Amino acid sequence: MSSQINDLPPGLAWGCGITAHDYADAISILKQKVFKDQHIPELKDHKENIDIRTLDQGHIVPNMKDPTWRGVWFPLGYE
């Protein structure tokens, strides 16, 4: 089942950046903070150990929190 961009929570069209202990922890944070314990659609992809220098410097980097802390760092608003 694939989800349309319009069905995603606000800001997720560019993806979601999460710092977590491991993949299971990242999914838990995604479910609790972004999807508010709703069903999470099938993930298209996931990447680990992101170098923020490779992220979009015009949109993502200026609109993200500190990625060294556990939690959602992009998009903003999912504390």
PDB file of N, CA and C in Angstrom:
ATOM      1  N   MET A   1       0.851  -1.179   0.000  1.00  0.00           N
ATOM      2  CA  MET A   1       0.000   0.000   0.000  1.00  0.00           C
ATOM      3  C   MET A   1       0.889   1.231   0.000  1.00  0.00           C
ATOM      4  N   SER A   2       0.741   2.085  -0.985  1.00  0.00           N
ATOM      5  CA  SER A   2       1.565   3.284  -0.998  1.00  0.00           C
ATOM      6  C   SER A   2       0.700   4.475  -0.636  1.00  0.00           C
ATOM      7  N   SER A   3       1.300   5.400   0.035  1.00  0.00           N
ATOM      8  CA  SER A   3       0.598   6.578   0.525  1.00  0.00           C
ATOM      9  C   SER A   3       0.862   7.757  -0.405  1.00  0.00           C
ATOM     10  N   GLN A   4      -0.153   8.575  -0.612  1.00  0.00           N
ATOM     11  CA  GLN A   4       0.005   9.791  -1.390  1.00  0.00           C
ATOM     12  C   GLN A   4       0.617  10.863  -0.496  1.00  0.00           C
ATOM     13  N   ILE A   5       1.362  11.793  -1.091  1.00  0.00           N
ATOM     14  CA  ILE A   5       1.984  12.864  -0.314  1.00  0.00           C
ATOM     15  C   ILE A   5       0.935  13.640   0.476  1.00  0.00           C
ATOM     16  N   ASN A   6      -0.244  13.839  -0.090  1.00  0.00           N
ATOM     17  CA  ASN A   6      -1.291  14.587   0.601  1.00  0.00           C
ATOM     18  C   ASN A   6      -1.794  13.873   1.847  1.00  0.00           C
ATOM     19  N   ASP A   7      -1.567  12.574   1.948  1.00  0.00           N
ATOM     20  CA  ASP A   7      -2.019  11.803   3.103  1.00  0.00           C
ATOM     21  C   ASP A   7      -1.022  11.845   4.257  1.00  0.00           C
ATOM     22  N   LEU A   8       0.152  12.400   4.024  1.00  0.00           N
ATOM     23  CA  LEU A   8       1.201  12.425   5.043  1.00  0.00           C
ATOM     24  C   LEU A   8       1.015  13.601   5.998  1.00  0.00           C
ATOM     25  N   PRO A   9       1.515  13.479   7.217  1.00  0.00           N
ATOM     26  CA  PRO A   9       1.487  14.625   8.131  1.00  0.00           C
ATOM     27  C   PRO A   9       2.238  15.810   7.527  1.00  0.00           C
ATOM     28  N   PRO A  10       1.946  17.029   7.992  1.00  0.00           N
ATOM     29  CA  PRO A  10       2.576  18.231   7.431  1.00  0.00           C
ATOM     30  C   PRO A  10       4.106  18.167   7.439  1.00  0.00           C
ATOM     31  N   GLY A  11       4.695  18.584   6.320  1.00  0.00           N
ATOM     32  CA  GLY A  11       6.140  18.706   6.218  1.00  0.00           C
ATOM     33  C   GLY A  11       6.884  17.470   5.762  1.00  0.00           C
ATOM     34  N   LEU A  12       6.218  16.347   5.591  1.00  0.00           N
ATOM     35  CA  LEU A  12       6.912  15.105   5.275  1.00  0.00           C
ATOM     36  C   LEU A  12       7.177  14.883   3.789  1.00  0.00           C
ATOM     37  N   ALA A  13       6.767  15.794   2.935  1.00  0.00           N
ATOM     38  CA  ALA A  13       7.023  15.627   1.504  1.00  0.00           C
ATOM     39  C   ALA A  13       8.523  15.546   1.218  1.00  0.00           C
ATOM     40  N   TRP A  14       9.348  16.201   2.027  1.00  0.00           N
ATOM     41  CA  TRP A  14      10.804  16.178   1.859  1.00  0.00           C
ATOM     42  C   TRP A  14      11.434  15.018   2.625  1.00  0.00           C
ATOM     43  N   GLY A  15      10.648  14.298   3.385  1.00  0.00           N
ATOM     44  CA  GLY A  15      11.172  13.209   4.197  1.00  0.00           C
ATOM     45  C   GLY A  15      11.150  13.578   5.668  1.00  0.00           C
ATOM     46  N   CYS A  16      11.777  12.732   6.459  1.00  0.00           N
ATOM     47  CA  CYS A  16      11.787  12.941   7.898  1.00  0.00           C
ATOM     48  C   CYS A  16      13.161  12.554   8.437  1.00  0.00           C
ATOM     49  N   GLY A  17      13.742  13.408   9.255  1.00  0.00           N
ATOM     50  CA  GLY A  17      15.034  13.127   9.863  1.00  0.00           C
ATOM     51  C   GLY A  17      14.854  12.812  11.338  1.00  0.00           C
ATOM     52  N   ILE A  18      15.344  11.661  11.749  1.00  0.00           N
ATOM     53  CA  ILE A  18      15.210  11.218  13.136  1.00  0.00           C
ATOM     54  C   ILE A  18      16.556  10.706  13.622  1.00  0.00           C
ATOM     55  N   THR A  19      16.931  11.098  14.818  1.00  0.00           N
ATOM     56  CA  THR A  19      18.102  10.522  15.475  1.00  0.00           C
ATOM     57  C   THR A  19      17.577   9.561  16.526  1.00  0.00           C
ATOM     58  N   ALA A  20      18.085   8.331  16.475  1.00  0.00           N
ATOM     59  CA  ALA A  20      17.592   7.291  17.373  1.00  0.00           C
ATOM     60  C   ALA A  20      18.717   6.334  17.731  1.00  0.00           C
ATOM     61  N   HIS A  21      18.443   5.481  18.699  1.00  0.00           N
ATOM     62  CA  HIS A  21      19.429   4.489  19.115  1.00  0.00           C
ATOM     63  C   HIS A  21      19.633   3.425  18.037  1.00  0.00           C
ATOM     64  N   ASP A  22      18.545   3.056  17.358  1.00  0.00           N
ATOM     65  CA  ASP A  22      18.593   2.052  16.297  1.00  0.00           C
ATOM     66  C   ASP A  22      17.332   2.187  15.445  1.00  0.00           C
ATOM     67  N   TYR A  23      17.187   1.312  14.454  1.00  0.00           N
ATOM     68  CA  TYR A  23      16.045   1.393  13.527  1.00  0.00           C
ATOM     69  C   TYR A  23      14.713   1.265  14.267  1.00  0.00           C
ATOM     70  N   ALA A  24      14.608   0.320  15.188  1.00  0.00           N
ATOM     71  CA  ALA A  24      13.354   0.119  15.936  1.00  0.00           C
ATOM     72  C   ALA A  24      13.011   1.367  16.753  1.00  0.00           C
ATOM     73  N   ASP A  25      14.016   1.992  17.340  1.00  0.00           N
ATOM     74  CA  ASP A  25      13.797   3.216  18.104  1.00  0.00           C
ATOM     75  C   ASP A  25      13.334   4.338  17.180  1.00  0.00           C
ATOM     76  N   ALA A  26      13.901   4.438  15.984  1.00  0.00           N
ATOM     77  CA  ALA A  26      13.489   5.462  15.016  1.00  0.00           C
ATOM     78  C   ALA A  26      12.029   5.274  14.619  1.00  0.00           C
ATOM     79  N   ILE A  27      11.628   4.042  14.382  1.00  0.00           N
ATOM     80  CA  ILE A  27      10.226   3.757  14.030  1.00  0.00           C
ATOM     81  C   ILE A  27       9.311   4.127  15.185  1.00  0.00           C
ATOM     82  N   SER A  28       9.731   3.831  16.402  1.00  0.00           N
ATOM     83  CA  SER A  28       8.942   4.181  17.584  1.00  0.00           C
ATOM     84  C   SER A  28       8.762   5.696  17.692  1.00  0.00           C
ATOM     85  N   ILE A  29       9.838   6.443  17.480  1.00  0.00           N
ATOM     86  CA  ILE A  29       9.761   7.910  17.521  1.00  0.00           C
ATOM     87  C   ILE A  29       8.849   8.410  16.398  1.00  0.00           C
ATOM     88  N   LEU A  30       9.000   7.868  15.203  1.00  0.00           N
ATOM     89  CA  LEU A  30       8.162   8.250  14.062  1.00  0.00           C
ATOM     90  C   LEU A  30       6.689   8.019  14.381  1.00  0.00           C
ATOM     91  N   LYS A  31       6.390   6.878  14.947  1.00  0.00           N
ATOM     92  CA  LYS A  31       4.999   6.553  15.270  1.00  0.00           C
ATOM     93  C   LYS A  31       4.445   7.473  16.356  1.00  0.00           C
ATOM     94  N   GLN A  32       5.218   7.708  17.407  1.00  0.00           N
ATOM     95  CA  GLN A  32       4.738   8.526  18.527  1.00  0.00           C
ATOM     96  C   GLN A  32       4.664  10.011  18.195  1.00  0.00           C
ATOM     97  N   LYS A  33       5.721  10.543  17.607  1.00  0.00           N
ATOM     98  CA  LYS A  33       5.819  11.995  17.429  1.00  0.00           C
ATOM     99  C   LYS A  33       5.209  12.516  16.133  1.00  0.00           C
ATOM    100  N   VAL A  34       5.344  11.765  15.060  1.00  0.00           N
ATOM    101  CA  VAL A  34       4.886  12.259  13.759  1.00  0.00           C
ATOM    102  C   VAL A  34       3.492  11.734  13.427  1.00  0.00           C
ATOM    103  N   PHE A  35       3.288  10.434  13.556  1.00  0.00           N
ATOM    104  CA  PHE A  35       2.011   9.846  13.180  1.00  0.00           C
ATOM    105  C   PHE A  35       1.039   9.730  14.355  1.00  0.00           C
ATOM    106  N   LYS A  36       1.465  10.183  15.544  1.00  0.00           N
ATOM    107  CA  LYS A  36       0.596  10.229  16.732  1.00  0.00           C
ATOM    108  C   LYS A  36      -0.115   8.900  16.976  1.00  0.00           C
ATOM    109  N   ASP A  37       0.668   7.820  16.954  1.00  0.00           N
ATOM    110  CA  ASP A  37       0.181   6.461  17.197  1.00  0.00           C
ATOM    111  C   ASP A  37      -0.840   5.970  16.162  1.00  0.00           C
ATOM    112  N   GLN A  38      -0.879   6.616  14.989  1.00  0.00           N
ATOM    113  CA  GLN A  38      -1.695   6.153  13.860  1.00  0.00           C
ATOM    114  C   GLN A  38      -0.865   5.175  13.042  1.00  0.00           C
ATOM    115  N   HIS A  39      -1.469   4.570  12.056  1.00  0.00           N
ATOM    116  CA  HIS A  39      -0.765   3.657  11.156  1.00  0.00           C
ATOM    117  C   HIS A  39       0.319   4.414  10.384  1.00  0.00           C
ATOM    118  N   ILE A  40       1.503   3.834  10.315  1.00  0.00           N
ATOM    119  CA  ILE A  40       2.591   4.400   9.516  1.00  0.00           C
ATOM    120  C   ILE A  40       2.560   3.727   8.147  1.00  0.00           C
ATOM    121  N   PRO A  41       2.501   4.518   7.070  1.00  0.00           N
ATOM    122  CA  PRO A  41       2.532   3.891   5.740  1.00  0.00           C
ATOM    123  C   PRO A  41       3.874   3.204   5.502  1.00  0.00           C
ATOM    124  N   GLU A  42       3.912   2.329   4.534  1.00  0.00           N
ATOM    125  CA  GLU A  42       5.152   1.644   4.186  1.00  0.00           C
ATOM    126  C   GLU A  42       6.225   2.670   3.835  1.00  0.00           C
ATOM    127  N   LEU A  43       7.398   2.509   4.414  1.00  0.00           N
ATOM    128  CA  LEU A  43       8.491   3.440   4.146  1.00  0.00           C
ATOM    129  C   LEU A  43       9.107   3.138   2.785  1.00  0.00           C
ATOM    130  N   LYS A  44       9.369   4.184   2.000  1.00  0.00           N
ATOM    131  CA  LYS A  44      10.002   4.003   0.694  1.00  0.00           C
ATOM    132  C   LYS A  44      11.469   3.677   0.848  1.00  0.00           C
ATOM    133  N   ASP A  45      12.107   4.279   1.842  1.00  0.00           N
ATOM    134  CA  ASP A  45      13.547   4.133   2.001  1.00  0.00           C
ATOM    135  C   ASP A  45      13.920   4.605   3.396  1.00  0.00           C
ATOM    136  N   HIS A  46      15.057   4.180   3.849  1.00  0.00           N
ATOM    137  CA  HIS A  46      15.621   4.751   5.071  1.00  0.00           C
ATOM    138  C   HIS A  46      17.134   4.774   4.930  1.00  0.00           C
ATOM    139  N   LYS A  47      17.724   5.783   5.516  1.00  0.00           N
ATOM    140  CA  LYS A  47      19.172   5.939   5.465  1.00  0.00           C
ATOM    141  C   LYS A  47      19.669   6.155   6.873  1.00  0.00           C
ATOM    142  N   GLU A  48      20.843   5.639   7.151  1.00  0.00           N
ATOM    143  CA  GLU A  48      21.437   5.791   8.472  1.00  0.00           C
ATOM    144  C   GLU A  48      22.733   6.582   8.360  1.00  0.00           C
ATOM    145  N   ASN A  49      23.122   7.194   9.465  1.00  0.00           N
ATOM    146  CA  ASN A  49      24.385   7.946   9.545  1.00  0.00           C
ATOM    147  C   ASN A  49      24.482   9.019   8.461  1.00  0.00           C
ATOM    148  N   ILE A  50      23.483   9.865   8.415  1.00  0.00           N
ATOM    149  CA  ILE A  50      23.408  10.927   7.412  1.00  0.00           C
ATOM    150  C   ILE A  50      24.458  12.000   7.685  1.00  0.00           C
ATOM    151  N   ASP A  51      25.131  12.420   6.653  1.00  0.00           N
ATOM    152  CA  ASP A  51      26.046  13.555   6.720  1.00  0.00           C
ATOM    153  C   ASP A  51      25.232  14.774   6.309  1.00  0.00           C
ATOM    154  N   ILE A  52      24.983  15.699   7.235  1.00  0.00           N
ATOM    155  CA  ILE A  52      24.100  16.823   6.910  1.00  0.00           C
ATOM    156  C   ILE A  52      24.636  17.699   5.791  1.00  0.00           C
ATOM    157  N   ARG A  53      25.910  17.595   5.465  1.00  0.00           N
ATOM    158  CA  ARG A  53      26.454  18.355   4.332  1.00  0.00           C
ATOM    159  C   ARG A  53      25.866  17.874   3.017  1.00  0.00           C
ATOM    160  N   THR A  54      25.284  16.663   2.990  1.00  0.00           N
ATOM    161  CA  THR A  54      24.693  16.127   1.765  1.00  0.00           C
ATOM    162  C   THR A  54      23.213  16.486   1.631  1.00  0.00           C
ATOM    163  N   LEU A  55      22.640  17.108   2.661  1.00  0.00           N
ATOM    164  CA  LEU A  55      21.223  17.477   2.623  1.00  0.00           C
ATOM    165  C   LEU A  55      21.026  18.792   1.885  1.00  0.00           C
ATOM    166  N   ASP A  56      19.812  19.040   1.442  1.00  0.00           N
ATOM    167  CA  ASP A  56      19.472  20.273   0.735  1.00  0.00           C
ATOM    168  C   ASP A  56      19.792  21.464   1.636  1.00  0.00           C
ATOM    169  N   GLN A  57      20.776  22.242   1.234  1.00  0.00           N
ATOM    170  CA  GLN A  57      21.258  23.364   2.041  1.00  0.00           C
ATOM    171  C   GLN A  57      20.309  24.571   2.012  1.00  0.00           C
ATOM    172  N   GLY A  58      19.406  24.603   1.041  1.00  0.00           N
ATOM    173  CA  GLY A  58      18.487  25.724   0.928  1.00  0.00           C
ATOM    174  C   GLY A  58      17.172  25.522   1.650  1.00  0.00           C
ATOM    175  N   HIS A  59      16.801  24.270   1.888  1.00  0.00           N
ATOM    176  CA  HIS A  59      15.506  24.023   2.534  1.00  0.00           C
ATOM    177  C   HIS A  59      15.633  23.195   3.811  1.00  0.00           C
ATOM    178  N   ILE A  60      16.273  22.049   3.722  1.00  0.00           N
ATOM    179  CA  ILE A  60      16.306  21.158   4.883  1.00  0.00           C
ATOM    180  C   ILE A  60      17.193  21.701   6.000  1.00  0.00           C
ATOM    181  N   VAL A  61      18.419  22.018   5.699  1.00  0.00           N
ATOM    182  CA  VAL A  61      19.364  22.441   6.747  1.00  0.00           C
ATOM    183  C   VAL A  61      18.877  23.676   7.515  1.00  0.00           C
ATOM    184  N   PRO A  62      18.364  24.717   6.840  1.00  0.00           N
ATOM    185  CA  PRO A  62      17.903  25.869   7.623  1.00  0.00           C
ATOM    186  C   PRO A  62      16.631  25.595   8.432  1.00  0.00           C
ATOM    187  N   ASN A  63      15.963  24.495   8.156  1.00  0.00           N
ATOM    188  CA  ASN A  63      14.689  24.187   8.808  1.00  0.00           C
ATOM    189  C   ASN A  63      14.753  22.916   9.641  1.00  0.00           C
ATOM    190  N   MET A  64      15.881  22.673  10.263  1.00  0.00           N
ATOM    191  CA  MET A  64      16.008  21.470  11.074  1.00  0.00           C
ATOM    192  C   MET A  64      16.556  21.806  12.457  1.00  0.00           C
ATOM    193  N   LYS A  65      16.262  20.927  13.397  1.00  0.00           N
ATOM    194  CA  LYS A  65      16.810  21.056  14.740  1.00  0.00           C
ATOM    195  C   LYS A  65      18.166  20.372  14.795  1.00  0.00           C
ATOM    196  N   ASP A  66      18.797  20.421  15.938  1.00  0.00           N
ATOM    197  CA  ASP A  66      20.093  19.795  16.164  1.00  0.00           C
ATOM    198  C   ASP A  66      19.962  18.273  16.006  1.00  0.00           C
ATOM    199  N   PRO A  67      20.627  17.683  15.016  1.00  0.00           N
ATOM    200  CA  PRO A  67      20.489  16.242  14.785  1.00  0.00           C
ATOM    201  C   PRO A  67      21.292  15.378  15.757  1.00  0.00           C
ATOM    202  N   THR A  68      22.000  15.985  16.685  1.00  0.00           N
ATOM    203  CA  THR A  68      22.765  15.178  17.646  1.00  0.00           C
ATOM    204  C   THR A  68      21.905  14.725  18.823  1.00  0.00           C
ATOM    205  N   TRP A  69      20.705  15.273  18.953  1.00  0.00           N
ATOM    206  CA  TRP A  69      19.787  14.881  20.021  1.00  0.00           C
ATOM    207  C   TRP A  69      18.790  13.861  19.512  1.00  0.00           C
ATOM    208  N   ARG A  70      18.431  12.898  20.336  1.00  0.00           N
ATOM    209  CA  ARG A  70      17.456  11.869  19.980  1.00  0.00           C
ATOM    210  C   ARG A  70      16.098  12.520  19.730  1.00  0.00           C
ATOM    211  N   GLY A  71      15.501  12.193  18.598  1.00  0.00           N
ATOM    212  CA  GLY A  71      14.171  12.692  18.257  1.00  0.00           C
ATOM    213  C   GLY A  71      14.092  13.132  16.809  1.00  0.00           C
ATOM    214  N   VAL A  72      12.979  13.756  16.478  1.00  0.00           N
ATOM    215  CA  VAL A  72      12.741  14.241  15.113  1.00  0.00           C
ATOM    216  C   VAL A  72      13.457  15.575  14.954  1.00  0.00           C
ATOM    217  N   TRP A  73      14.375  15.646  13.993  1.00  0.00           N
ATOM    218  CA  TRP A  73      15.070  16.906  13.731  1.00  0.00           C
ATOM    219  C   TRP A  73      14.625  17.569  12.434  1.00  0.00           C
ATOM    220  N   PHE A  74      13.915  16.841  11.592  1.00  0.00           N
ATOM    221  CA  PHE A  74      13.314  17.414  10.392  1.00  0.00           C
ATOM    222  C   PHE A  74      12.092  16.602  10.027  1.00  0.00           C
ATOM    223  N   PRO A  75      10.994  17.273   9.717  1.00  0.00           N
ATOM    224  CA  PRO A  75      10.738  18.706   9.731  1.00  0.00           C
ATOM    225  C   PRO A  75      10.523  19.215  11.159  1.00  0.00           C
ATOM    226  N   LEU A  76      10.539  20.521  11.297  1.00  0.00           N
ATOM    227  CA  LEU A  76      10.311  21.134  12.595  1.00  0.00           C
ATOM    228  C   LEU A  76       8.862  20.910  13.036  1.00  0.00           C
ATOM    229  N   GLY A  77       8.635  20.933  14.333  1.00  0.00           N
ATOM    230  CA  GLY A  77       7.274  20.864  14.854  1.00  0.00           C
ATOM    231  C   GLY A  77       6.852  19.520  15.408  1.00  0.00           C
ATOM    232  N   TYR A  78       7.747  18.551  15.439  1.00  0.00           N
ATOM    233  CA  TYR A  78       7.402  17.218  15.952  1.00  0.00           C
ATOM    234  C   TYR A  78       8.213  16.892  17.199  1.00  0.00           C
ATOM    235  N   GLU A  79       8.155  17.766  18.195  1.00  0.00           N
ATOM    236  CA  GLU A  79       8.904  17.563  19.426  1.00  0.00           C
ATOM    237  C   GLU A  79       8.365  16.408  20.224  1.00  0.00           C
TER     238      GLU A  79
END
